Amino acid sequence: MISTPIRLAVAAAGAALLLAGCSDDGGDSTTTTTTRTATATQSAPAQSGALPERPAAGAPVDCSYTPDGPAAKEVTPPQASGVTTEGSPAVTMTTSAGPIGLTLDPAAAPCTVNSFVSLAEQGYFDDTPCHRLVTSPGLQVLQCGDPSGTGSGGPGYGFDTEYPETAYAPNDPALARAVVYPRGTIAMANTGQPGSNGSQFFLVYEDSQLPPAYTIFGTIDEAGLATIEKVAAAGDDGSMGSVGGGAPNQPVRIESVTVAS
């Protein structure tokens, strides 16, 4: 069990970590967002340690992908209307460190899954680095999805945060408290601003404490966790300074991302 002081420090470090954008020291930093989507529910547990209930699949939804600057790698934004909330797409991520298998969750995050699948099918993630590793107790993640490798690159469009943030009412104080992102979670990085999800994602290889401001959109298989743990064992170079973590000492390059048909 993580003590309260460490949890608060970890939550702050997590807010600093999981940015899709630049900071003064070349790292990433985020703040809690209060973005809402049309799929929001208005209930969540008062205790902030646990994730709120995951949404069930329902009718197709419409998404909004808004241009937000130059793309790190040229792609076409995904189709935005009639996006399914059903199914569980299987993804094979081949990396220089070993295989990472993913199962995506359209019920929880249809617009995120729709974007990730579109980017994967266009080869956006192919031959790109995982630019950041954090091994701090309470925050243990590998961050990928920026072809530039700088932590500031994206696909040229942004979109809103989904589950778990959308499970809370607007302005709920629980949005500022840490919840547990369980080992085996894949979630989106963002800048803390509305509509700032893009292509950067992080792979949680040990339970981590973060505000519920980062969209959870799938899970990692055991083989993938073993791959990430091997990378984590080699540590990072500390290049992210005060915000924590750095480039993995064992470089990780995504060679290809394939979505099962």
C-alpha atoms as a PDB file:
ATOM      1  CA  MET A   1       0.000   0.000   0.000  1.00  0.00           C
ATOM      2  CA  ILE A   2       1.426   3.386  -0.957  1.00  0.00           C
ATOM      3  CA  SER A   3       1.444   5.916   1.887  1.00  0.00           C
ATOM      4  CA  THR A   4      -0.458   9.176   1.476  1.00  0.00           C
ATOM      5  CA  PRO A   5       2.613  11.431   1.047  1.00  0.00           C
ATOM      6  CA  ILE A   6       4.050   9.142  -1.628  1.00  0.00           C
ATOM      7  CA  ARG A   7       0.690   8.841  -3.343  1.00  0.00           C
ATOM      8  CA  LEU A   8       0.392  12.616  -3.532  1.00  0.00           C
ATOM      9  CA  ALA A   9       3.920  12.913  -4.880  1.00  0.00           C
ATOM     10  CA  VAL A  10       3.291  10.150  -7.368  1.00  0.00           C
ATOM     11  CA  ALA A  11       0.065  11.740  -8.539  1.00  0.00           C
ATOM     12  CA  ALA A  12       1.939  14.973  -9.133  1.00  0.00           C
ATOM     13  CA  ALA A  13       4.688  13.157 -10.996  1.00  0.00           C
ATOM     14  CA  GLY A  14       2.099  11.381 -13.056  1.00  0.00           C
ATOM     15  CA  ALA A  15       0.487  14.645 -13.942  1.00  0.00           C
ATOM     16  CA  ALA A  16       3.902  15.792 -15.073  1.00  0.00           C
ATOM     17  CA  LEU A  17       4.659  12.637 -16.968  1.00  0.00           C
ATOM     18  CA  LEU A  18       1.801  11.927 -19.211  1.00  0.00           C
ATOM     19  CA  LEU A  19       1.835  14.886 -21.522  1.00  0.00           C
ATOM     20  CA  ALA A  20       1.637  14.883 -25.266  1.00  0.00           C
ATOM     21  CA  GLY A  21       3.567  18.128 -25.593  1.00  0.00           C
ATOM     22  CA  CYS A  22       6.732  20.007 -24.675  1.00  0.00           C
ATOM     23  CA  SER A  23       8.138  21.165 -21.359  1.00  0.00           C
ATOM     24  CA  ASP A  24      11.167  23.253 -20.542  1.00  0.00           C
ATOM     25  CA  ASP A  25      13.330  20.254 -19.745  1.00  0.00           C
ATOM     26  CA  GLY A  26      12.302  18.293 -22.831  1.00  0.00           C
ATOM     27  CA  GLY A  27       9.867  16.144 -20.869  1.00  0.00           C
ATOM     28  CA  ASP A  28       6.123  16.017 -20.586  1.00  0.00           C
ATOM     29  CA  SER A  29       3.739  17.535 -18.062  1.00  0.00           C
ATOM     30  CA  THR A  30      -0.004  17.424 -17.631  1.00  0.00           C
ATOM     31  CA  THR A  31      -2.694  18.692 -15.365  1.00  0.00           C
ATOM     32  CA  THR A  32      -6.085  17.190 -14.622  1.00  0.00           C
ATOM     33  CA  THR A  33      -8.645  17.860 -17.313  1.00  0.00           C
ATOM     34  CA  THR A  34     -12.403  18.163 -17.027  1.00  0.00           C
ATOM     35  CA  THR A  35     -13.265  17.413 -20.624  1.00  0.00           C
ATOM     36  CA  ARG A  36     -16.613  15.678 -21.083  1.00  0.00           C
ATOM     37  CA  THR A  37     -18.094  13.668 -23.931  1.00  0.00           C
ATOM     38  CA  ALA A  38     -21.599  12.744 -24.951  1.00  0.00           C
ATOM     39  CA  THR A  39     -21.108   9.266 -23.500  1.00  0.00           C
ATOM     40  CA  ALA A  40     -20.561  10.568 -19.938  1.00  0.00           C
ATOM     41  CA  THR A  41     -22.421   9.000 -17.057  1.00  0.00           C
ATOM     42  CA  GLN A  42     -23.089  11.016 -13.943  1.00  0.00           C
ATOM     43  CA  SER A  43     -22.107   8.602 -11.165  1.00  0.00           C
ATOM     44  CA  ALA A  44     -18.822   7.454  -9.680  1.00  0.00           C
ATOM     45  CA  PRO A  45     -17.684   6.020  -6.361  1.00  0.00           C
ATOM     46  CA  ALA A  46     -16.816   8.558  -3.679  1.00  0.00           C
ATOM     47  CA  GLN A  47     -13.623   6.643  -2.886  1.00  0.00           C
ATOM     48  CA  SER A  48     -11.018   7.794  -5.387  1.00  0.00           C
ATOM     49  CA  GLY A  49      -8.725   4.793  -5.039  1.00  0.00           C
ATOM     50  CA  ALA A  50     -10.739   2.589  -7.395  1.00  0.00           C
ATOM     51  CA  LEU A  51     -11.694   3.145 -11.006  1.00  0.00           C
ATOM     52  CA  PRO A  52     -15.372   3.837 -11.671  1.00  0.00           C
ATOM     53  CA  GLU A  53     -17.472   1.190 -13.342  1.00  0.00           C
ATOM     54  CA  ARG A  54     -16.499   0.580 -16.943  1.00  0.00           C
ATOM     55  CA  PRO A  55     -19.172   1.542 -19.497  1.00  0.00           C
ATOM     56  CA  ALA A  56     -21.073  -1.137 -21.367  1.00  0.00           C
ATOM     57  CA  ALA A  57     -21.314  -1.253 -25.152  1.00  0.00           C
ATOM     58  CA  GLY A  58     -24.207   0.647 -26.661  1.00  0.00           C
ATOM     59  CA  ALA A  59     -25.242   2.451 -29.808  1.00  0.00           C
ATOM     60  CA  PRO A  60     -22.608   3.836 -32.208  1.00  0.00           C
ATOM     61  CA  VAL A  61     -21.297   7.290 -31.357  1.00  0.00           C
ATOM     62  CA  ASP A  62     -20.025  10.277 -33.286  1.00  0.00           C
ATOM     63  CA  CYS A  63     -16.512  11.508 -32.539  1.00  0.00           C
ATOM     64  CA  SER A  64     -14.779  14.830 -33.089  1.00  0.00           C
ATOM     65  CA  TYR A  65     -11.185  14.920 -34.350  1.00  0.00           C
ATOM     66  CA  THR A  66     -10.065  18.539 -34.502  1.00  0.00           C
ATOM     67  CA  PRO A  67      -6.990  19.747 -36.433  1.00  0.00           C
ATOM     68  CA  ASP A  68      -4.353  20.970 -33.970  1.00  0.00           C
ATOM     69  CA  GLY A  69      -1.172  21.605 -35.934  1.00  0.00           C
ATOM     70  CA  PRO A  70       1.360  19.725 -38.032  1.00  0.00           C
ATOM     71  CA  ALA A  71       1.520  15.955 -37.768  1.00  0.00           C
ATOM     72  CA  ALA A  72       4.688  14.167 -36.684  1.00  0.00           C
ATOM     73  CA  LYS A  73       3.919  11.690 -39.464  1.00  0.00           C
ATOM     74  CA  GLU A  74       1.346  12.350 -42.151  1.00  0.00           C
ATOM     75  CA  VAL A  75      -1.949  10.508 -41.719  1.00  0.00           C
ATOM     76  CA  THR A  76      -5.613  11.002 -42.517  1.00  0.00           C
ATOM     77  CA  PRO A  77      -7.934  11.559 -39.534  1.00  0.00           C
ATOM     78  CA  PRO A  78     -10.308   8.652 -38.891  1.00  0.00           C
ATOM     79  CA  GLN A  79     -13.938   8.505 -39.886  1.00  0.00           C
ATOM     80  CA  ALA A  80     -15.840  10.300 -37.144  1.00  0.00           C
ATOM     81  CA  SER A  81     -19.477   9.220 -37.519  1.00  0.00           C
ATOM     82  CA  GLY A  82     -21.170   5.992 -36.486  1.00  0.00           C
ATOM     83  CA  VAL A  83     -18.189   4.718 -34.472  1.00  0.00           C
ATOM     84  CA  THR A  84     -18.847   1.339 -32.873  1.00  0.00           C
ATOM     85  CA  THR A  85     -18.742   0.705 -29.137  1.00  0.00           C
ATOM     86  CA  GLU A  86     -18.767  -3.064 -29.611  1.00  0.00           C
ATOM     87  CA  GLY A  87     -16.094  -5.715 -29.991  1.00  0.00           C
ATOM     88  CA  SER A  88     -12.588  -6.105 -28.597  1.00  0.00           C
ATOM     89  CA  PRO A  89     -10.001  -5.601 -31.367  1.00  0.00           C
ATOM     90  CA  ALA A  90      -6.792  -7.569 -30.903  1.00  0.00           C
ATOM     91  CA  VAL A  91      -3.543  -5.753 -31.653  1.00  0.00           C
ATOM     92  CA  THR A  92      -0.072  -7.182 -32.174  1.00  0.00           C
ATOM     93  CA  MET A  93       2.693  -4.682 -31.508  1.00  0.00           C
ATOM     94  CA  THR A  94       6.064  -5.939 -32.681  1.00  0.00           C
ATOM     95  CA  THR A  95       8.936  -4.092 -31.003  1.00  0.00           C
ATOM     96  CA  SER A  96      12.698  -4.309 -30.883  1.00  0.00           C
ATOM     97  CA  ALA A  97      12.397  -5.506 -27.274  1.00  0.00           C
ATOM     98  CA  GLY A  98       9.792  -8.203 -27.932  1.00  0.00           C
ATOM     99  CA  PRO A  99       6.078  -8.632 -28.659  1.00  0.00           C
ATOM    100  CA  ILE A 100       3.365  -6.606 -26.952  1.00  0.00           C
ATOM    101  CA  GLY A 101      -0.192  -7.801 -27.439  1.00  0.00           C
ATOM    102  CA  LEU A 102      -3.145  -5.507 -26.770  1.00  0.00           C
ATOM    103  CA  THR A 103      -6.902  -5.943 -26.498  1.00  0.00           C
ATOM    104  CA  LEU A 104      -8.762  -2.710 -27.162  1.00  0.00           C
ATOM    105  CA  ASP A 105     -11.979  -1.629 -25.440  1.00  0.00           C
ATOM    106  CA  PRO A 106     -14.395   0.313 -27.679  1.00  0.00           C
ATOM    107  CA  ALA A 107     -17.142   0.223 -25.025  1.00  0.00           C
ATOM    108  CA  ALA A 108     -15.026   2.328 -22.670  1.00  0.00           C
ATOM    109  CA  ALA A 109     -13.360   4.539 -25.259  1.00  0.00           C
ATOM    110  CA  PRO A 110     -14.865   4.270 -28.751  1.00  0.00           C
ATOM    111  CA  CYS A 111     -13.308   7.450 -30.175  1.00  0.00           C
ATOM    112  CA  THR A 112      -9.877   6.564 -28.799  1.00  0.00           C
ATOM    113  CA  VAL A 113      -9.980   3.007 -30.130  1.00  0.00           C
ATOM    114  CA  ASN A 114     -11.242   4.284 -33.485  1.00  0.00           C
ATOM    115  CA  SER A 115      -8.289   6.684 -33.716  1.00  0.00           C
ATOM    116  CA  PHE A 116      -5.696   4.137 -32.548  1.00  0.00           C
ATOM    117  CA  VAL A 117      -6.896   1.535 -35.062  1.00  0.00           C
ATOM    118  CA  SER A 118      -6.894   4.103 -37.871  1.00  0.00           C
ATOM    119  CA  LEU A 119      -3.348   5.212 -37.035  1.00  0.00           C
ATOM    120  CA  ALA A 120      -2.155   1.618 -36.808  1.00  0.00           C
ATOM    121  CA  GLU A 121      -3.698   0.699 -40.154  1.00  0.00           C
ATOM    122  CA  GLN A 122      -1.996   3.708 -41.770  1.00  0.00           C
ATOM    123  CA  GLY A 123       1.403   2.652 -40.395  1.00  0.00           C
ATOM    124  CA  TYR A 124       1.697   5.699 -38.151  1.00  0.00           C
ATOM    125  CA  PHE A 125       3.295   3.761 -35.293  1.00  0.00           C
ATOM    126  CA  ASP A 126       5.644   1.713 -37.481  1.00  0.00           C
ATOM    127  CA  ASP A 127       9.363   2.393 -36.951  1.00  0.00           C
ATOM    128  CA  THR A 128       8.774   4.785 -34.042  1.00  0.00           C
ATOM    129  CA  PRO A 129      10.402   4.895 -30.587  1.00  0.00           C
ATOM    130  CA  CYS A 130       8.964   4.538 -27.119  1.00  0.00           C
ATOM    131  CA  HIS A 131      10.492   7.741 -25.837  1.00  0.00           C
ATOM    132  CA  ARG A 132       9.857   7.573 -22.103  1.00  0.00           C
ATOM    133  CA  LEU A 133      10.126   5.111 -19.239  1.00  0.00           C
ATOM    134  CA  VAL A 134       9.169   5.815 -15.636  1.00  0.00           C
ATOM    135  CA  THR A 135      10.079   3.313 -12.906  1.00  0.00           C
ATOM    136  CA  SER A 136       9.075   5.258  -9.775  1.00  0.00           C
ATOM    137  CA  PRO A 137       7.067   3.359  -7.132  1.00  0.00           C
ATOM    138  CA  GLY A 138       3.420   4.141  -7.853  1.00  0.00           C
ATOM    139  CA  LEU A 139       4.094   5.266 -11.407  1.00  0.00           C
ATOM    140  CA  GLN A 140       5.556   2.603 -13.674  1.00  0.00           C
ATOM    141  CA  VAL A 141       4.862   3.121 -17.363  1.00  0.00           C
ATOM    142  CA  LEU A 142       6.386   3.057 -20.832  1.00  0.00           C
ATOM    143  CA  GLN A 143       5.224   5.908 -23.087  1.00  0.00           C
ATOM    144  CA  CYS A 144       5.109   5.580 -26.884  1.00  0.00           C
ATOM    145  CA  GLY A 145       3.221   6.883 -29.898  1.00  0.00           C
ATOM    146  CA  ASP A 146       5.263   9.929 -30.951  1.00  0.00           C
ATOM    147  CA  PRO A 147       7.080   9.352 -34.247  1.00  0.00           C
ATOM    148  CA  SER A 148       9.379  12.287 -33.505  1.00  0.00           C
ATOM    149  CA  GLY A 149      10.589  10.683 -30.281  1.00  0.00           C
ATOM    150  CA  THR A 150      10.538  14.082 -28.534  1.00  0.00           C
ATOM    151  CA  GLY A 151       7.349  13.713 -26.516  1.00  0.00           C
ATOM    152  CA  SER A 152       5.758  16.607 -28.405  1.00  0.00           C
ATOM    153  CA  GLY A 153       4.589  14.896 -31.595  1.00  0.00           C
ATOM    154  CA  GLY A 154       1.070  13.922 -32.576  1.00  0.00           C
ATOM    155  CA  PRO A 155      -1.111  13.023 -35.564  1.00  0.00           C
ATOM    156  CA  GLY A 156      -2.176  16.571 -36.426  1.00  0.00           C
ATOM    157  CA  TYR A 157      -5.551  16.274 -34.702  1.00  0.00           C
ATOM    158  CA  GLY A 158      -6.866  16.040 -31.158  1.00  0.00           C
ATOM    159  CA  PHE A 159      -9.916  14.608 -29.448  1.00  0.00           C
ATOM    160  CA  ASP A 160     -11.598  14.499 -26.057  1.00  0.00           C
ATOM    161  CA  THR A 161     -10.834  12.302 -23.081  1.00  0.00           C
ATOM    162  CA  GLU A 162     -13.106   9.307 -22.458  1.00  0.00           C
ATOM    163  CA  TYR A 163     -13.324   6.746 -19.617  1.00  0.00           C
ATOM    164  CA  PRO A 164     -12.580   7.041 -16.711  1.00  0.00           C
ATOM    165  CA  GLU A 165     -12.901  10.829 -16.755  1.00  0.00           C
ATOM    166  CA  THR A 166     -16.321  10.690 -18.398  1.00  0.00           C
ATOM    167  CA  ALA A 167     -17.688   8.527 -15.564  1.00  0.00           C
ATOM    168  CA  TYR A 168     -17.617  11.558 -13.252  1.00  0.00           C
ATOM    169  CA  ALA A 169     -19.916  14.556 -13.144  1.00  0.00           C
ATOM    170  CA  PRO A 170     -18.357  17.847 -14.268  1.00  0.00           C
ATOM    171  CA  ASN A 171     -16.434  19.552 -11.445  1.00  0.00           C
ATOM    172  CA  ASP A 172     -16.540  16.426  -9.252  1.00  0.00           C
ATOM    173  CA  PRO A 173     -13.717  16.823  -6.693  1.00  0.00           C
ATOM    174  CA  ALA A 174     -12.800  13.179  -7.346  1.00  0.00           C
ATOM    175  CA  LEU A 175     -11.353  14.255 -10.695  1.00  0.00           C
ATOM    176  CA  ALA A 176      -8.401  15.731  -8.800  1.00  0.00           C
ATOM    177  CA  ARG A 177      -7.730  12.587  -6.746  1.00  0.00           C
ATOM    178  CA  ALA A 178      -5.589   9.650  -7.740  1.00  0.00           C
ATOM    179  CA  VAL A 179      -7.082   6.349  -8.815  1.00  0.00           C
ATOM    180  CA  VAL A 180      -5.274   3.108  -9.510  1.00  0.00           C
ATOM    181  CA  TYR A 181      -4.478   2.448 -13.162  1.00  0.00           C
ATOM    182  CA  PRO A 182      -3.967  -1.317 -12.897  1.00  0.00           C
ATOM    183  CA  ARG A 183      -1.003  -3.270 -14.192  1.00  0.00           C
ATOM    184  CA  GLY A 184      -1.766  -4.211 -17.788  1.00  0.00           C
ATOM    185  CA  THR A 185      -3.617  -0.990 -18.699  1.00  0.00           C
ATOM    186  CA  ILE A 186      -3.049   0.981 -21.900  1.00  0.00           C
ATOM    187  CA  ALA A 187      -4.078   4.640 -21.682  1.00  0.00           C
ATOM    188  CA  MET A 188      -3.697   7.916 -23.554  1.00  0.00           C
ATOM    189  CA  ALA A 189      -1.342  10.774 -22.735  1.00  0.00           C
ATOM    190  CA  ASN A 190      -2.624  14.328 -23.036  1.00  0.00           C
ATOM    191  CA  THR A 191      -1.567  17.904 -22.303  1.00  0.00           C
ATOM    192  CA  GLY A 192      -4.209  18.519 -19.678  1.00  0.00           C
ATOM    193  CA  GLN A 193      -6.170  20.721 -22.078  1.00  0.00           C
ATOM    194  CA  PRO A 194      -9.565  19.739 -23.518  1.00  0.00           C
ATOM    195  CA  GLY A 195      -9.302  17.867 -26.799  1.00  0.00           C
ATOM    196  CA  SER A 196      -5.577  17.172 -26.456  1.00  0.00           C
ATOM    197  CA  ASN A 197      -5.538  13.412 -26.873  1.00  0.00           C
ATOM    198  CA  GLY A 198      -3.616  12.500 -30.013  1.00  0.00           C
ATOM    199  CA  SER A 199      -1.359   9.517 -30.636  1.00  0.00           C
ATOM    200  CA  GLN A 200       0.790   9.192 -27.503  1.00  0.00           C
ATOM    201  CA  PHE A 201      -0.114   6.372 -25.165  1.00  0.00           C
ATOM    202  CA  PHE A 202       1.376   4.727 -22.104  1.00  0.00           C
ATOM    203  CA  LEU A 203       1.657   1.093 -21.078  1.00  0.00           C
ATOM    204  CA  VAL A 204       1.216   0.457 -17.355  1.00  0.00           C
ATOM    205  CA  TYR A 205       3.407  -2.432 -16.170  1.00  0.00           C
ATOM    206  CA  GLU A 206       2.720  -2.031 -12.426  1.00  0.00           C
ATOM    207  CA  ASP A 207      -0.263  -0.491 -10.644  1.00  0.00           C
ATOM    208  CA  SER A 208       0.098   3.282 -10.954  1.00  0.00           C
ATOM    209  CA  GLN A 209      -1.553   6.248  -9.228  1.00  0.00           C
ATOM    210  CA  LEU A 210      -2.915   8.994 -11.473  1.00  0.00           C
ATOM    211  CA  PRO A 211      -5.885  11.339 -11.627  1.00  0.00           C
ATOM    212  CA  PRO A 212      -8.673   9.817 -13.773  1.00  0.00           C
ATOM    213  CA  ALA A 213      -7.808  12.202 -16.621  1.00  0.00           C
ATOM    214  CA  TYR A 214      -6.128   9.696 -18.950  1.00  0.00           C
ATOM    215  CA  THR A 215      -8.342   7.613 -21.231  1.00  0.00           C
ATOM    216  CA  ILE A 216      -8.124   3.865 -20.631  1.00  0.00           C
ATOM    217  CA  PHE A 217      -8.715   2.074 -23.898  1.00  0.00           C
ATOM    218  CA  GLY A 218      -7.472  -1.470 -23.499  1.00  0.00           C
ATOM    219  CA  THR A 219      -5.276  -4.040 -21.798  1.00  0.00           C
ATOM    220  CA  ILE A 220      -1.825  -5.563 -22.311  1.00  0.00           C
ATOM    221  CA  ASP A 221      -1.242  -9.319 -22.492  1.00  0.00           C
ATOM    222  CA  GLU A 222       1.203 -11.168 -20.234  1.00  0.00           C
ATOM    223  CA  ALA A 223       3.796 -11.550 -22.989  1.00  0.00           C
ATOM    224  CA  GLY A 224       3.653  -7.798 -23.523  1.00  0.00           C
ATOM    225  CA  LEU A 225       4.051  -7.123 -19.825  1.00  0.00           C
ATOM    226  CA  ALA A 226       7.098  -9.396 -19.765  1.00  0.00           C
ATOM    227  CA  THR A 227       8.572  -7.377 -22.643  1.00  0.00           C
ATOM    228  CA  ILE A 228       7.962  -4.079 -20.850  1.00  0.00           C
ATOM    229  CA  GLU A 229       9.295  -5.406 -17.536  1.00  0.00           C
ATOM    230  CA  LYS A 230      12.511  -6.453 -19.274  1.00  0.00           C
ATOM    231  CA  VAL A 231      12.897  -2.900 -20.568  1.00  0.00           C
ATOM    232  CA  ALA A 232      12.063  -1.446 -17.152  1.00  0.00           C
ATOM    233  CA  ALA A 233      14.694  -3.614 -15.470  1.00  0.00           C
ATOM    234  CA  ALA A 234      17.376  -1.802 -17.489  1.00  0.00           C
ATOM    235  CA  GLY A 235      16.148   1.565 -16.175  1.00  0.00           C
ATOM    236  CA  ASP A 236      16.081   4.970 -17.819  1.00  0.00           C
ATOM    237  CA  ASP A 237      18.600   7.731 -18.414  1.00  0.00           C
ATOM    238  CA  GLY A 238      16.909  10.288 -16.144  1.00  0.00           C
ATOM    239  CA  SER A 239      16.740  12.820 -18.962  1.00  0.00           C
ATOM    240  CA  MET A 240      13.248  14.045 -18.062  1.00  0.00           C
ATOM    241  CA  GLY A 241      14.612  15.762 -14.955  1.00  0.00           C
ATOM    242  CA  SER A 242      12.162  16.938 -12.324  1.00  0.00           C
ATOM    243  CA  VAL A 243       9.134  15.438 -14.056  1.00  0.00           C
ATOM    244  CA  GLY A 244      10.588  11.946 -13.696  1.00  0.00           C
ATOM    245  CA  GLY A 245      11.866   9.178 -15.909  1.00  0.00           C
ATOM    246  CA  GLY A 246      13.684   9.410 -19.189  1.00  0.00           C
ATOM    247  CA  ALA A 247      14.550   7.509 -22.318  1.00  0.00           C
ATOM    248  CA  PRO A 248      14.771   3.747 -21.715  1.00  0.00           C
ATOM    249  CA  ASN A 249      18.356   2.531 -21.307  1.00  0.00           C
ATOM    250  CA  GLN A 250      17.260  -0.395 -23.471  1.00  0.00           C
ATOM    251  CA  PRO A 251      15.884   1.412 -26.528  1.00  0.00           C
ATOM    252  CA  VAL A 252      12.442   0.305 -27.637  1.00  0.00           C
ATOM    253  CA  ARG A 253      11.333   0.791 -31.224  1.00  0.00           C
ATOM    254  CA  ILE A 254       7.886  -0.161 -32.452  1.00  0.00           C
ATOM    255  CA  GLU A 255       8.478  -2.064 -35.674  1.00  0.00           C
ATOM    256  CA  SER A 256       4.833  -2.625 -36.603  1.00  0.00           C
ATOM    257  CA  VAL A 257       1.320  -2.513 -35.160  1.00  0.00           C
ATOM    258  CA  THR A 258      -1.223  -4.908 -36.651  1.00  0.00           C
ATOM    259  CA  VAL A 259      -4.935  -4.985 -35.867  1.00  0.00           C
ATOM    260  CA  ALA A 260      -6.632  -8.364 -36.349  1.00  0.00           C
ATOM    261  CA  SER A 261      -9.392  -8.221 -38.914  1.00  0.00           C
END
